N, C-alpha and C. Protein backbone atom coordinates (compact mmCIF):
# COMPACT_ATOMS: atom_id res chain seq x y z
N UNK A 1 117.66 67.25 18.33
CA UNK A 1 118.25 66.28 19.25
C UNK A 1 118.45 66.92 20.61
N UNK A 2 118.04 66.22 21.65
CA UNK A 2 118.15 66.77 22.98
C UNK A 2 119.55 66.60 23.51
N UNK A 3 120.02 67.59 24.18
CA UNK A 3 121.36 67.51 24.78
C UNK A 3 121.29 66.73 26.07
N UNK A 4 122.33 65.92 26.30
CA UNK A 4 122.42 65.15 27.53
C UNK A 4 122.82 66.02 28.71
N UNK A 5 123.35 67.20 28.38
CA UNK A 5 123.83 68.08 29.46
C UNK A 5 122.66 68.81 30.10
N UNK A 6 122.55 68.67 31.40
CA UNK A 6 121.44 69.30 32.13
C UNK A 6 121.61 70.81 32.15
N UNK A 7 120.49 71.53 32.00
CA UNK A 7 120.53 72.99 32.08
C UNK A 7 120.77 73.41 33.52
N UNK A 8 121.57 74.47 33.71
CA UNK A 8 121.81 74.94 35.08
C UNK A 8 120.53 75.45 35.69
N UNK A 9 120.33 75.19 36.96
CA UNK A 9 119.09 75.68 37.61
C UNK A 9 119.03 77.19 37.57
N UNK A 10 117.83 77.70 37.35
CA UNK A 10 117.67 79.16 37.33
C UNK A 10 117.80 79.71 38.73
N UNK A 11 118.34 80.92 38.82
CA UNK A 11 118.52 81.56 40.12
C UNK A 11 117.16 82.00 40.64
N UNK A 12 116.89 81.76 41.92
CA UNK A 12 115.60 82.19 42.47
C UNK A 12 115.49 83.71 42.46
N UNK A 13 114.30 84.21 42.18
CA UNK A 13 114.09 85.65 42.19
C UNK A 13 114.19 86.18 43.60
N UNK A 14 114.88 87.28 43.73
CA UNK A 14 115.04 87.87 45.05
C UNK A 14 113.73 88.54 45.47
N UNK A 15 113.29 88.24 46.64
CA UNK A 15 112.06 88.83 47.17
C UNK A 15 112.40 90.06 47.99
N UNK A 16 111.72 91.15 47.70
CA UNK A 16 111.93 92.38 48.45
C UNK A 16 110.91 92.42 49.58
N UNK A 17 111.39 92.52 50.78
CA UNK A 17 110.50 92.50 51.93
C UNK A 17 109.74 93.81 52.04
N UNK A 18 108.65 93.77 52.80
CA UNK A 18 107.87 94.98 53.05
C UNK A 18 108.74 96.03 53.73
N UNK A 19 109.56 95.59 54.68
CA UNK A 19 110.44 96.53 55.39
C UNK A 19 111.43 97.19 54.44
N UNK A 20 111.97 96.41 53.49
CA UNK A 20 112.93 96.96 52.54
C UNK A 20 112.26 97.97 51.61
N UNK A 21 111.03 97.65 51.20
CA UNK A 21 110.30 98.60 50.34
C UNK A 21 110.03 99.91 51.08
N UNK A 22 109.63 99.79 52.34
CA UNK A 22 109.35 100.99 53.12
C UNK A 22 110.62 101.80 53.35
N UNK A 23 111.73 101.12 53.57
CA UNK A 23 113.00 101.81 53.77
C UNK A 23 113.41 102.56 52.50
N UNK A 24 113.21 101.92 51.34
CA UNK A 24 113.56 102.56 50.08
C UNK A 24 112.65 103.76 49.81
N UNK A 25 111.35 103.60 50.10
CA UNK A 25 110.42 104.72 49.93
C UNK A 25 110.84 105.90 50.81
N UNK A 26 111.21 105.62 52.05
CA UNK A 26 111.65 106.67 52.95
C UNK A 26 112.91 107.36 52.44
N UNK A 27 113.78 106.58 51.81
CA UNK A 27 115.00 107.17 51.24
C UNK A 27 114.66 108.14 50.12
N UNK A 28 113.72 107.77 49.26
CA UNK A 28 113.28 108.67 48.19
C UNK A 28 112.70 109.96 48.78
N UNK A 29 111.86 109.81 49.80
CA UNK A 29 111.23 110.97 50.44
C UNK A 29 112.30 111.88 51.04
N UNK A 30 113.28 111.31 51.73
CA UNK A 30 114.31 112.11 52.38
C UNK A 30 115.18 112.85 51.37
N UNK A 31 115.51 112.19 50.27
CA UNK A 31 116.31 112.85 49.22
C UNK A 31 115.53 114.02 48.64
N UNK A 32 114.27 113.77 48.29
CA UNK A 32 113.46 114.82 47.69
C UNK A 32 113.22 115.96 48.67
N UNK A 33 112.99 115.63 49.93
CA UNK A 33 112.74 116.67 50.93
C UNK A 33 113.95 117.60 51.05
N UNK A 34 115.15 117.03 51.05
CA UNK A 34 116.35 117.86 51.16
C UNK A 34 116.48 118.79 49.96
N UNK A 35 116.22 118.27 48.77
CA UNK A 35 116.37 119.11 47.56
C UNK A 35 115.27 120.16 47.51
N UNK A 36 114.04 119.76 47.79
CA UNK A 36 112.93 120.72 47.81
C UNK A 36 113.24 121.90 48.73
N UNK A 37 113.70 121.60 49.94
CA UNK A 37 113.91 122.64 50.94
C UNK A 37 115.11 123.52 50.60
N UNK A 38 116.15 122.94 50.05
CA UNK A 38 117.38 123.71 49.81
C UNK A 38 117.39 124.41 48.45
N UNK A 39 116.70 123.84 47.45
CA UNK A 39 116.83 124.38 46.09
C UNK A 39 115.50 124.73 45.44
N UNK A 40 114.39 124.29 46.00
CA UNK A 40 113.10 124.65 45.45
C UNK A 40 112.51 123.59 44.54
N UNK A 41 111.25 123.84 44.16
CA UNK A 41 110.47 122.87 43.39
C UNK A 41 111.14 122.50 42.07
N UNK A 42 111.62 123.51 41.33
CA UNK A 42 112.15 123.26 39.99
C UNK A 42 113.39 122.38 40.00
N UNK A 43 114.13 122.37 41.12
CA UNK A 43 115.38 121.60 41.19
C UNK A 43 115.14 120.11 41.34
N UNK A 44 113.92 119.74 41.73
CA UNK A 44 113.62 118.33 42.00
C UNK A 44 113.13 117.66 40.72
N UNK A 45 113.83 116.63 40.31
CA UNK A 45 113.38 115.82 39.19
C UNK A 45 113.43 114.35 39.60
N UNK A 46 112.61 113.55 38.97
CA UNK A 46 112.60 112.12 39.28
C UNK A 46 113.95 111.50 38.96
N UNK A 47 114.56 111.93 37.87
CA UNK A 47 115.88 111.40 37.50
C UNK A 47 116.92 111.71 38.57
N UNK A 48 116.89 112.94 39.10
CA UNK A 48 117.86 113.31 40.12
C UNK A 48 117.64 112.53 41.42
N UNK A 49 116.39 112.39 41.82
CA UNK A 49 116.08 111.65 43.05
C UNK A 49 116.57 110.21 42.94
N UNK A 50 116.22 109.56 41.84
CA UNK A 50 116.58 108.15 41.70
C UNK A 50 118.08 107.97 41.49
N UNK A 51 118.73 108.95 40.85
CA UNK A 51 120.18 108.85 40.69
C UNK A 51 120.87 108.89 42.05
N UNK A 52 120.40 109.77 42.93
CA UNK A 52 120.99 109.83 44.27
C UNK A 52 120.69 108.56 45.07
N UNK A 53 119.54 107.94 44.78
CA UNK A 53 119.18 106.70 45.48
C UNK A 53 119.87 105.48 44.86
N UNK A 54 120.49 105.67 43.67
CA UNK A 54 121.20 104.57 43.04
C UNK A 54 120.31 103.58 42.32
N UNK A 55 119.16 104.06 41.80
CA UNK A 55 118.24 103.18 41.08
C UNK A 55 117.83 103.86 39.78
N UNK A 56 117.12 103.14 38.94
CA UNK A 56 116.64 103.71 37.68
C UNK A 56 115.39 104.55 37.93
N UNK A 57 115.08 105.50 37.06
CA UNK A 57 113.88 106.32 37.25
C UNK A 57 112.59 105.50 37.35
N UNK A 58 112.54 104.33 36.69
CA UNK A 58 111.32 103.52 36.76
C UNK A 58 111.01 103.06 38.18
N UNK A 59 112.04 102.93 39.02
CA UNK A 59 111.81 102.50 40.40
C UNK A 59 110.96 103.51 41.17
N UNK A 60 111.05 104.77 40.78
CA UNK A 60 110.27 105.82 41.45
C UNK A 60 108.78 105.52 41.39
N UNK A 61 108.34 105.00 40.24
CA UNK A 61 106.91 104.81 40.01
C UNK A 61 106.33 103.60 40.73
N UNK A 62 107.16 102.85 41.41
CA UNK A 62 106.63 101.82 42.31
C UNK A 62 105.94 102.45 43.51
N UNK A 63 106.32 103.70 43.80
CA UNK A 63 105.88 104.33 45.05
C UNK A 63 105.06 105.59 44.83
N UNK A 64 105.33 106.32 43.74
CA UNK A 64 104.65 107.60 43.52
C UNK A 64 104.27 107.73 42.06
N UNK A 65 103.11 108.34 41.82
CA UNK A 65 102.65 108.53 40.44
C UNK A 65 103.43 109.61 39.72
N UNK A 66 103.86 110.62 40.47
CA UNK A 66 104.54 111.75 39.86
C UNK A 66 105.26 112.55 40.95
N UNK A 67 105.99 113.56 40.53
CA UNK A 67 106.72 114.38 41.50
C UNK A 67 105.78 115.10 42.45
N UNK A 68 104.64 115.56 41.95
CA UNK A 68 103.71 116.28 42.82
C UNK A 68 103.14 115.38 43.92
N UNK A 69 102.93 114.10 43.60
CA UNK A 69 102.45 113.16 44.62
C UNK A 69 103.47 113.03 45.74
N UNK A 70 104.74 113.02 45.39
CA UNK A 70 105.79 112.97 46.39
C UNK A 70 105.84 114.27 47.19
N UNK A 71 105.66 115.40 46.52
CA UNK A 71 105.68 116.69 47.21
C UNK A 71 104.60 116.74 48.30
N UNK A 72 103.40 116.27 47.99
CA UNK A 72 102.31 116.29 48.96
C UNK A 72 102.63 115.40 50.15
N UNK A 73 103.26 114.26 49.90
CA UNK A 73 103.66 113.37 51.00
C UNK A 73 104.64 114.09 51.93
N UNK A 74 105.58 114.82 51.36
CA UNK A 74 106.58 115.53 52.18
C UNK A 74 105.90 116.65 52.97
N UNK A 75 105.01 117.39 52.32
CA UNK A 75 104.26 118.41 53.06
C UNK A 75 103.54 117.81 54.25
N UNK A 76 102.83 116.70 54.00
CA UNK A 76 102.05 116.09 55.07
C UNK A 76 102.95 115.53 56.16
N UNK A 77 104.10 115.04 55.78
CA UNK A 77 105.06 114.54 56.77
C UNK A 77 105.48 115.66 57.72
N UNK A 78 105.76 116.84 57.18
CA UNK A 78 106.15 117.98 58.01
C UNK A 78 105.00 118.40 58.91
N UNK A 79 103.80 118.48 58.36
CA UNK A 79 102.64 118.86 59.17
C UNK A 79 102.43 117.85 60.30
N UNK A 80 102.66 116.57 60.01
CA UNK A 80 102.57 115.56 61.05
C UNK A 80 103.59 115.78 62.14
N UNK A 81 104.80 116.19 61.77
CA UNK A 81 105.84 116.48 62.76
C UNK A 81 105.45 117.67 63.63
N UNK A 82 104.86 118.68 62.99
CA UNK A 82 104.38 119.84 63.75
C UNK A 82 103.31 119.40 64.76
N UNK A 83 102.36 118.60 64.30
CA UNK A 83 101.30 118.13 65.18
C UNK A 83 101.83 117.34 66.36
N UNK A 84 102.83 116.50 66.13
CA UNK A 84 103.41 115.72 67.22
C UNK A 84 104.09 116.63 68.25
N UNK A 85 104.79 117.65 67.77
CA UNK A 85 105.45 118.59 68.68
C UNK A 85 104.41 119.35 69.50
N UNK A 86 103.33 119.76 68.87
CA UNK A 86 102.26 120.47 69.58
C UNK A 86 101.61 119.57 70.62
N UNK A 87 101.38 118.33 70.25
CA UNK A 87 100.73 117.40 71.18
C UNK A 87 101.62 117.12 72.39
N UNK A 88 102.92 116.99 72.18
CA UNK A 88 103.84 116.76 73.30
C UNK A 88 103.81 117.93 74.27
N UNK A 89 103.84 119.15 73.73
CA UNK A 89 103.82 120.32 74.61
C UNK A 89 102.48 120.44 75.32
N UNK A 90 101.42 120.11 74.64
CA UNK A 90 100.10 120.17 75.25
C UNK A 90 99.98 119.17 76.40
N UNK A 91 100.45 117.95 76.18
CA UNK A 91 100.35 116.91 77.21
C UNK A 91 101.20 117.22 78.43
N UNK A 92 102.25 118.02 78.24
CA UNK A 92 103.12 118.38 79.37
C UNK A 92 102.53 119.50 80.22
N UNK A 93 101.50 120.16 79.72
CA UNK A 93 100.88 121.29 80.43
C UNK A 93 99.78 120.78 81.36
N UNK A 94 99.42 121.57 82.38
CA UNK A 94 98.26 121.22 83.22
C UNK A 94 97.00 121.13 82.36
N UNK A 95 96.04 120.31 82.74
CA UNK A 95 94.84 120.10 81.91
C UNK A 95 94.17 121.39 81.44
N UNK A 96 94.07 122.38 82.31
CA UNK A 96 93.38 123.62 81.94
C UNK A 96 94.17 124.44 80.92
N UNK A 97 95.47 124.14 80.77
CA UNK A 97 96.32 124.93 79.88
C UNK A 97 96.69 124.19 78.61
N UNK A 98 96.13 123.01 78.40
CA UNK A 98 96.58 122.19 77.27
C UNK A 98 96.20 122.76 75.91
N UNK A 99 95.03 123.36 75.83
CA UNK A 99 94.62 123.96 74.55
C UNK A 99 95.49 125.16 74.20
N UNK A 100 95.67 126.15 75.10
CA UNK A 100 96.59 127.25 74.77
C UNK A 100 98.01 126.77 74.50
N UNK A 101 98.45 125.74 75.23
CA UNK A 101 99.80 125.21 75.02
C UNK A 101 99.95 124.63 73.61
N UNK A 102 98.91 123.96 73.13
CA UNK A 102 98.93 123.40 71.78
C UNK A 102 99.07 124.52 70.74
N UNK A 103 98.27 125.58 70.90
CA UNK A 103 98.31 126.69 69.95
C UNK A 103 99.65 127.43 70.02
N UNK A 104 100.17 127.61 71.24
CA UNK A 104 101.48 128.26 71.39
C UNK A 104 102.56 127.45 70.68
N UNK A 105 102.51 126.12 70.84
CA UNK A 105 103.51 125.27 70.22
C UNK A 105 103.44 125.34 68.70
N UNK A 106 102.22 125.38 68.17
CA UNK A 106 102.07 125.48 66.73
C UNK A 106 102.61 126.81 66.21
N UNK A 107 102.29 127.87 66.90
CA UNK A 107 102.79 129.19 66.53
C UNK A 107 104.31 129.22 66.54
N UNK A 108 104.90 128.73 67.62
CA UNK A 108 106.35 128.79 67.76
C UNK A 108 107.07 127.86 66.79
N UNK A 109 106.46 126.71 66.50
CA UNK A 109 107.12 125.79 65.57
C UNK A 109 107.31 126.45 64.21
N UNK A 110 106.23 127.05 63.69
CA UNK A 110 106.34 127.65 62.36
C UNK A 110 107.24 128.87 62.38
N UNK A 111 107.22 129.64 63.48
CA UNK A 111 108.08 130.82 63.55
C UNK A 111 109.55 130.44 63.62
N UNK A 112 109.86 129.31 64.21
CA UNK A 112 111.26 128.86 64.29
C UNK A 112 111.66 127.99 63.09
N UNK A 113 110.68 127.64 62.25
CA UNK A 113 110.97 126.90 61.01
C UNK A 113 110.31 127.62 59.82
N UNK A 114 110.67 128.88 59.59
CA UNK A 114 110.01 129.61 58.51
C UNK A 114 110.25 128.99 57.13
N UNK A 115 111.38 128.28 56.96
CA UNK A 115 111.64 127.63 55.68
C UNK A 115 110.60 126.54 55.40
N UNK A 116 110.16 125.84 56.45
CA UNK A 116 109.11 124.84 56.28
C UNK A 116 107.79 125.51 55.89
N UNK A 117 107.48 126.62 56.55
CA UNK A 117 106.22 127.32 56.25
C UNK A 117 106.22 127.81 54.80
N UNK A 118 107.32 128.42 54.38
CA UNK A 118 107.41 128.90 53.00
C UNK A 118 107.28 127.74 52.02
N UNK A 119 107.94 126.64 52.34
CA UNK A 119 107.94 125.47 51.47
C UNK A 119 106.53 124.94 51.24
N UNK A 120 105.74 124.87 52.29
CA UNK A 120 104.41 124.29 52.17
C UNK A 120 103.37 125.31 51.71
N UNK A 121 103.37 126.50 52.29
CA UNK A 121 102.25 127.42 52.12
C UNK A 121 102.53 128.61 51.21
N UNK A 122 103.78 128.86 50.89
CA UNK A 122 104.09 130.05 50.10
C UNK A 122 104.78 129.75 48.77
N UNK A 123 105.28 128.52 48.60
CA UNK A 123 105.99 128.19 47.37
C UNK A 123 105.08 128.22 46.15
N UNK A 124 105.61 128.66 45.03
CA UNK A 124 104.85 128.73 43.78
C UNK A 124 105.68 128.15 42.65
N UNK A 125 104.99 127.76 41.60
CA UNK A 125 105.63 127.28 40.39
C UNK A 125 104.78 127.70 39.20
N UNK A 126 105.39 128.19 38.12
CA UNK A 126 104.60 128.66 36.98
C UNK A 126 103.84 127.53 36.28
N UNK A 127 104.27 126.29 36.48
CA UNK A 127 103.67 125.18 35.74
C UNK A 127 102.81 124.26 36.61
N UNK A 128 102.64 124.62 37.88
CA UNK A 128 101.92 123.75 38.80
C UNK A 128 100.89 124.56 39.58
N UNK A 129 99.70 124.01 39.73
CA UNK A 129 98.65 124.66 40.52
C UNK A 129 98.87 124.28 41.98
N UNK A 130 99.67 125.09 42.67
CA UNK A 130 100.01 124.80 44.06
C UNK A 130 98.79 124.89 44.98
N UNK A 131 97.86 125.77 44.64
CA UNK A 131 96.64 125.88 45.46
C UNK A 131 95.90 124.56 45.45
N UNK A 132 95.77 123.95 44.29
CA UNK A 132 95.10 122.66 44.19
C UNK A 132 95.84 121.58 44.98
N UNK A 133 97.16 121.59 44.90
CA UNK A 133 97.94 120.61 45.66
C UNK A 133 97.74 120.80 47.16
N UNK A 134 97.74 122.05 47.61
CA UNK A 134 97.56 122.31 49.04
C UNK A 134 96.18 121.88 49.53
N UNK A 135 95.19 122.02 48.67
CA UNK A 135 93.84 121.59 49.06
C UNK A 135 93.81 120.10 49.38
N UNK A 136 94.65 119.32 48.73
CA UNK A 136 94.68 117.88 48.97
C UNK A 136 95.24 117.53 50.35
N UNK A 137 95.96 118.47 50.95
CA UNK A 137 96.51 118.23 52.29
C UNK A 137 95.41 118.00 53.32
N UNK A 138 94.25 118.59 53.11
CA UNK A 138 93.18 118.50 54.10
C UNK A 138 92.82 117.07 54.45
N UNK A 139 92.98 116.16 53.49
CA UNK A 139 92.53 114.78 53.68
C UNK A 139 93.66 113.82 54.03
N UNK A 140 94.86 114.31 54.19
CA UNK A 140 96.01 113.44 54.46
C UNK A 140 96.22 113.27 55.97
N UNK A 141 96.96 112.23 56.36
CA UNK A 141 97.06 111.88 57.80
C UNK A 141 97.57 112.98 58.71
N UNK A 142 98.59 113.72 58.28
CA UNK A 142 99.16 114.74 59.17
C UNK A 142 98.16 115.82 59.51
N UNK A 143 97.51 116.39 58.48
CA UNK A 143 96.53 117.45 58.72
C UNK A 143 95.33 116.92 59.48
N UNK A 144 94.89 115.70 59.14
CA UNK A 144 93.73 115.13 59.83
C UNK A 144 94.02 114.92 61.32
N UNK A 145 95.25 114.53 61.65
CA UNK A 145 95.60 114.33 63.06
C UNK A 145 95.59 115.65 63.81
N UNK A 146 96.10 116.70 63.19
CA UNK A 146 96.07 118.03 63.81
C UNK A 146 94.63 118.44 64.07
N UNK A 147 93.75 118.25 63.09
CA UNK A 147 92.34 118.59 63.27
C UNK A 147 91.73 117.80 64.42
N UNK A 148 92.03 116.51 64.48
CA UNK A 148 91.46 115.69 65.56
C UNK A 148 91.97 116.12 66.93
N UNK A 149 93.27 116.41 67.02
CA UNK A 149 93.83 116.83 68.30
C UNK A 149 93.22 118.15 68.77
N UNK A 150 93.12 119.10 67.85
CA UNK A 150 92.52 120.39 68.21
C UNK A 150 91.06 120.23 68.60
N UNK A 151 90.35 119.40 67.86
CA UNK A 151 88.93 119.20 68.15
C UNK A 151 88.76 118.59 69.54
N UNK A 152 89.60 117.61 69.88
CA UNK A 152 89.50 116.97 71.19
C UNK A 152 89.79 117.96 72.31
N UNK A 153 90.79 118.82 72.10
CA UNK A 153 91.12 119.82 73.12
C UNK A 153 90.00 120.84 73.27
N UNK A 154 89.43 121.26 72.17
CA UNK A 154 88.31 122.20 72.23
C UNK A 154 87.10 121.57 72.92
N UNK A 155 86.84 120.32 72.61
CA UNK A 155 85.68 119.64 73.19
C UNK A 155 85.82 119.50 74.70
N UNK A 156 87.06 119.36 75.17
CA UNK A 156 87.27 119.22 76.61
C UNK A 156 86.98 120.51 77.36
N UNK A 157 86.95 121.64 76.64
CA UNK A 157 86.72 122.93 77.29
C UNK A 157 85.50 123.66 76.71
N UNK A 158 84.65 122.90 76.02
CA UNK A 158 83.53 123.53 75.32
C UNK A 158 82.45 124.01 76.27
N UNK A 159 81.78 125.10 75.92
CA UNK A 159 80.64 125.54 76.73
C UNK A 159 79.44 124.62 76.50
N UNK A 160 78.44 124.77 77.30
CA UNK A 160 77.23 123.96 77.16
C UNK A 160 76.39 124.52 76.01
N UNK A 161 76.49 123.85 74.86
CA UNK A 161 75.71 124.27 73.69
C UNK A 161 75.02 123.04 73.12
N UNK A 162 74.04 123.28 72.26
CA UNK A 162 73.24 122.17 71.73
C UNK A 162 74.07 121.22 70.88
N UNK A 163 74.88 121.75 69.98
CA UNK A 163 75.70 120.92 69.09
C UNK A 163 77.17 121.25 69.34
N UNK A 164 77.75 120.56 70.30
CA UNK A 164 79.10 120.90 70.73
C UNK A 164 80.12 120.62 69.62
N UNK A 165 79.93 119.55 68.85
CA UNK A 165 80.90 119.24 67.79
C UNK A 165 80.90 120.30 66.70
N UNK A 166 79.73 120.78 66.33
CA UNK A 166 79.66 121.85 65.33
C UNK A 166 80.31 123.12 65.86
N UNK A 167 80.09 123.43 67.14
CA UNK A 167 80.71 124.61 67.74
C UNK A 167 82.22 124.48 67.76
N UNK A 168 82.73 123.29 68.09
CA UNK A 168 84.18 123.06 68.11
C UNK A 168 84.78 123.19 66.71
N UNK A 169 84.07 122.68 65.72
CA UNK A 169 84.56 122.76 64.34
C UNK A 169 84.64 124.21 63.89
N UNK A 170 83.62 125.01 64.23
CA UNK A 170 83.64 126.43 63.84
C UNK A 170 84.81 127.16 64.49
N UNK A 171 85.01 126.93 65.78
CA UNK A 171 86.10 127.63 66.47
C UNK A 171 87.45 127.13 65.99
N UNK A 172 87.57 125.85 65.76
CA UNK A 172 88.83 125.31 65.23
C UNK A 172 89.20 125.99 63.92
N UNK A 173 88.22 126.14 63.05
CA UNK A 173 88.45 126.81 61.76
C UNK A 173 88.87 128.26 61.97
N UNK A 174 88.19 128.95 62.88
CA UNK A 174 88.52 130.34 63.16
C UNK A 174 89.94 130.48 63.71
N UNK A 175 90.31 129.63 64.65
CA UNK A 175 91.65 129.70 65.24
C UNK A 175 92.72 129.44 64.20
N UNK A 176 92.50 128.46 63.34
CA UNK A 176 93.49 128.15 62.31
C UNK A 176 93.64 129.31 61.33
N UNK A 177 92.51 129.91 60.95
CA UNK A 177 92.57 131.05 60.03
C UNK A 177 93.34 132.22 60.66
N UNK A 178 93.08 132.49 61.91
CA UNK A 178 93.77 133.60 62.56
C UNK A 178 95.27 133.32 62.71
N UNK A 179 95.58 132.11 63.14
CA UNK A 179 96.97 131.76 63.36
C UNK A 179 97.74 131.77 62.04
N UNK A 180 97.17 131.14 61.01
CA UNK A 180 97.89 131.05 59.74
C UNK A 180 97.87 132.37 58.98
N UNK A 181 96.86 133.19 59.20
CA UNK A 181 96.89 134.53 58.62
C UNK A 181 98.04 135.34 59.18
N UNK A 182 98.25 135.23 60.48
CA UNK A 182 99.37 135.90 61.12
C UNK A 182 100.70 135.38 60.58
N UNK A 183 100.84 134.05 60.50
CA UNK A 183 102.09 133.46 60.02
C UNK A 183 102.37 133.86 58.58
N UNK A 184 101.33 133.87 57.76
CA UNK A 184 101.51 134.28 56.37
C UNK A 184 102.01 135.72 56.29
N UNK A 185 101.50 136.56 57.18
CA UNK A 185 101.91 137.97 57.17
C UNK A 185 103.37 138.14 57.60
N UNK A 186 103.74 137.54 58.72
CA UNK A 186 105.09 137.80 59.25
C UNK A 186 106.17 137.03 58.51
N UNK A 187 105.84 135.85 57.99
CA UNK A 187 106.85 135.05 57.29
C UNK A 187 106.89 135.39 55.80
N UNK A 188 105.73 135.57 55.22
CA UNK A 188 105.69 135.78 53.78
C UNK A 188 105.73 137.22 53.33
N UNK A 189 105.37 138.16 54.21
CA UNK A 189 105.25 139.54 53.77
C UNK A 189 106.11 140.50 54.59
N UNK A 190 105.89 140.56 55.89
CA UNK A 190 106.53 141.60 56.69
C UNK A 190 107.99 141.31 57.02
N UNK A 191 108.26 140.05 57.37
CA UNK A 191 109.60 139.63 57.78
C UNK A 191 110.20 140.61 58.80
N UNK A 192 109.57 140.74 59.96
CA UNK A 192 110.03 141.70 60.98
C UNK A 192 111.33 141.25 61.64
N UNK A 193 111.98 142.22 62.31
CA UNK A 193 113.17 141.84 63.07
C UNK A 193 112.74 141.12 64.34
N UNK A 194 113.70 140.66 65.13
CA UNK A 194 113.40 139.82 66.29
C UNK A 194 112.51 140.53 67.30
N UNK A 195 112.78 141.81 67.56
CA UNK A 195 111.98 142.54 68.55
C UNK A 195 110.55 142.73 68.07
N UNK A 196 110.39 143.10 66.81
CA UNK A 196 109.05 143.26 66.26
C UNK A 196 108.29 141.93 66.26
N UNK A 197 109.00 140.87 65.91
CA UNK A 197 108.36 139.57 65.86
C UNK A 197 107.87 139.15 67.24
N UNK A 198 108.66 139.42 68.27
CA UNK A 198 108.26 139.07 69.64
C UNK A 198 106.99 139.81 70.03
N UNK A 199 106.90 141.12 69.69
CA UNK A 199 105.70 141.88 70.01
C UNK A 199 104.50 141.35 69.25
N UNK A 200 104.67 141.07 67.96
CA UNK A 200 103.56 140.57 67.16
C UNK A 200 103.11 139.20 67.65
N UNK A 201 104.07 138.37 68.05
CA UNK A 201 103.73 137.05 68.58
C UNK A 201 102.88 137.19 69.85
N UNK A 202 103.27 138.12 70.72
CA UNK A 202 102.51 138.33 71.96
C UNK A 202 101.09 138.79 71.65
N UNK A 203 100.96 139.65 70.64
CA UNK A 203 99.62 140.15 70.29
C UNK A 203 98.71 139.02 69.80
N UNK A 204 99.22 138.20 68.88
CA UNK A 204 98.38 137.14 68.34
C UNK A 204 98.12 136.08 69.40
N UNK A 205 99.09 135.81 70.24
CA UNK A 205 98.89 134.85 71.33
C UNK A 205 97.80 135.34 72.28
N UNK A 206 97.83 136.63 72.63
CA UNK A 206 96.80 137.20 73.49
C UNK A 206 95.43 137.15 72.82
N UNK A 207 95.39 137.45 71.53
CA UNK A 207 94.13 137.42 70.79
C UNK A 207 93.53 136.01 70.79
N UNK A 208 94.36 134.99 70.58
CA UNK A 208 93.86 133.62 70.58
C UNK A 208 93.32 133.22 71.95
N UNK A 209 94.03 133.63 73.00
CA UNK A 209 93.58 133.29 74.35
C UNK A 209 92.27 134.01 74.70
N UNK A 210 92.14 135.26 74.29
CA UNK A 210 90.89 135.98 74.52
C UNK A 210 89.73 135.32 73.77
N UNK A 211 90.01 134.88 72.54
CA UNK A 211 88.99 134.20 71.75
C UNK A 211 88.53 132.93 72.45
N UNK A 212 89.47 132.16 72.97
CA UNK A 212 89.13 130.93 73.70
C UNK A 212 88.32 131.23 74.95
N UNK A 213 88.73 132.27 75.69
CA UNK A 213 88.03 132.61 76.94
C UNK A 213 86.60 133.04 76.66
N UNK A 214 86.41 133.86 75.61
CA UNK A 214 85.06 134.31 75.26
C UNK A 214 84.20 133.12 74.85
N UNK A 215 84.78 132.20 74.09
CA UNK A 215 84.03 131.03 73.62
C UNK A 215 83.63 130.15 74.81
N UNK A 216 84.54 129.96 75.73
CA UNK A 216 84.26 129.10 76.90
C UNK A 216 83.15 129.69 77.77
N UNK A 217 83.00 131.02 77.70
CA UNK A 217 81.94 131.67 78.48
C UNK A 217 80.66 131.89 77.66
N UNK A 218 80.63 131.27 76.47
CA UNK A 218 79.41 131.31 75.68
C UNK A 218 79.23 132.50 74.81
N UNK A 219 80.27 133.35 74.67
CA UNK A 219 80.16 134.54 73.82
C UNK A 219 80.49 134.20 72.38
N UNK A 220 79.94 134.95 71.44
CA UNK A 220 80.26 134.77 70.03
C UNK A 220 81.68 135.27 69.79
N UNK A 221 82.43 134.52 68.96
CA UNK A 221 83.83 134.88 68.66
C UNK A 221 83.91 135.57 67.31
């Protein structure tokens, strides 16, 4: 027998806006970034991140497949911030000095944020292939933007060669290897005092400028 009493209308489902989803994703990233930087890889768990965000662990998987996927996003976010700082300093310099200014800014950013450098390039975990994770950075927006900015600056000062883009790519790779080899040494191994660091910084800065000058004059680097 049917009841004469009408059923109460069902409550409409709440729609989550794109802006709200992006804000929540950013909150997860910020929570994880703080824990990663202050306590290390092992301290970060999906349960802890979501507990601080006030949601269930299942909410995490709306945005990230796993903790490592989130870690790569944070790494790339930092690299993007570095690239933006370098680009601002480069744009403030006279046109002829924009390429050295970009490299100087990159060098100084990592030297003044050694915790960021260790977090991205030196951190290890017994259960995670960090080398494989770092390789994935090459294709993400932050690293790609740095590559594009450096390539554009190199192209603006390139010598007259048959394949200028190939020449710029080779030199860009060389400069990055030299710069990051130096950073790996002073941040990860030597840890010099302030006076030693200043001298070492001047040496690598001079080496990079000499490399650029030789390249601009058509010499092999």
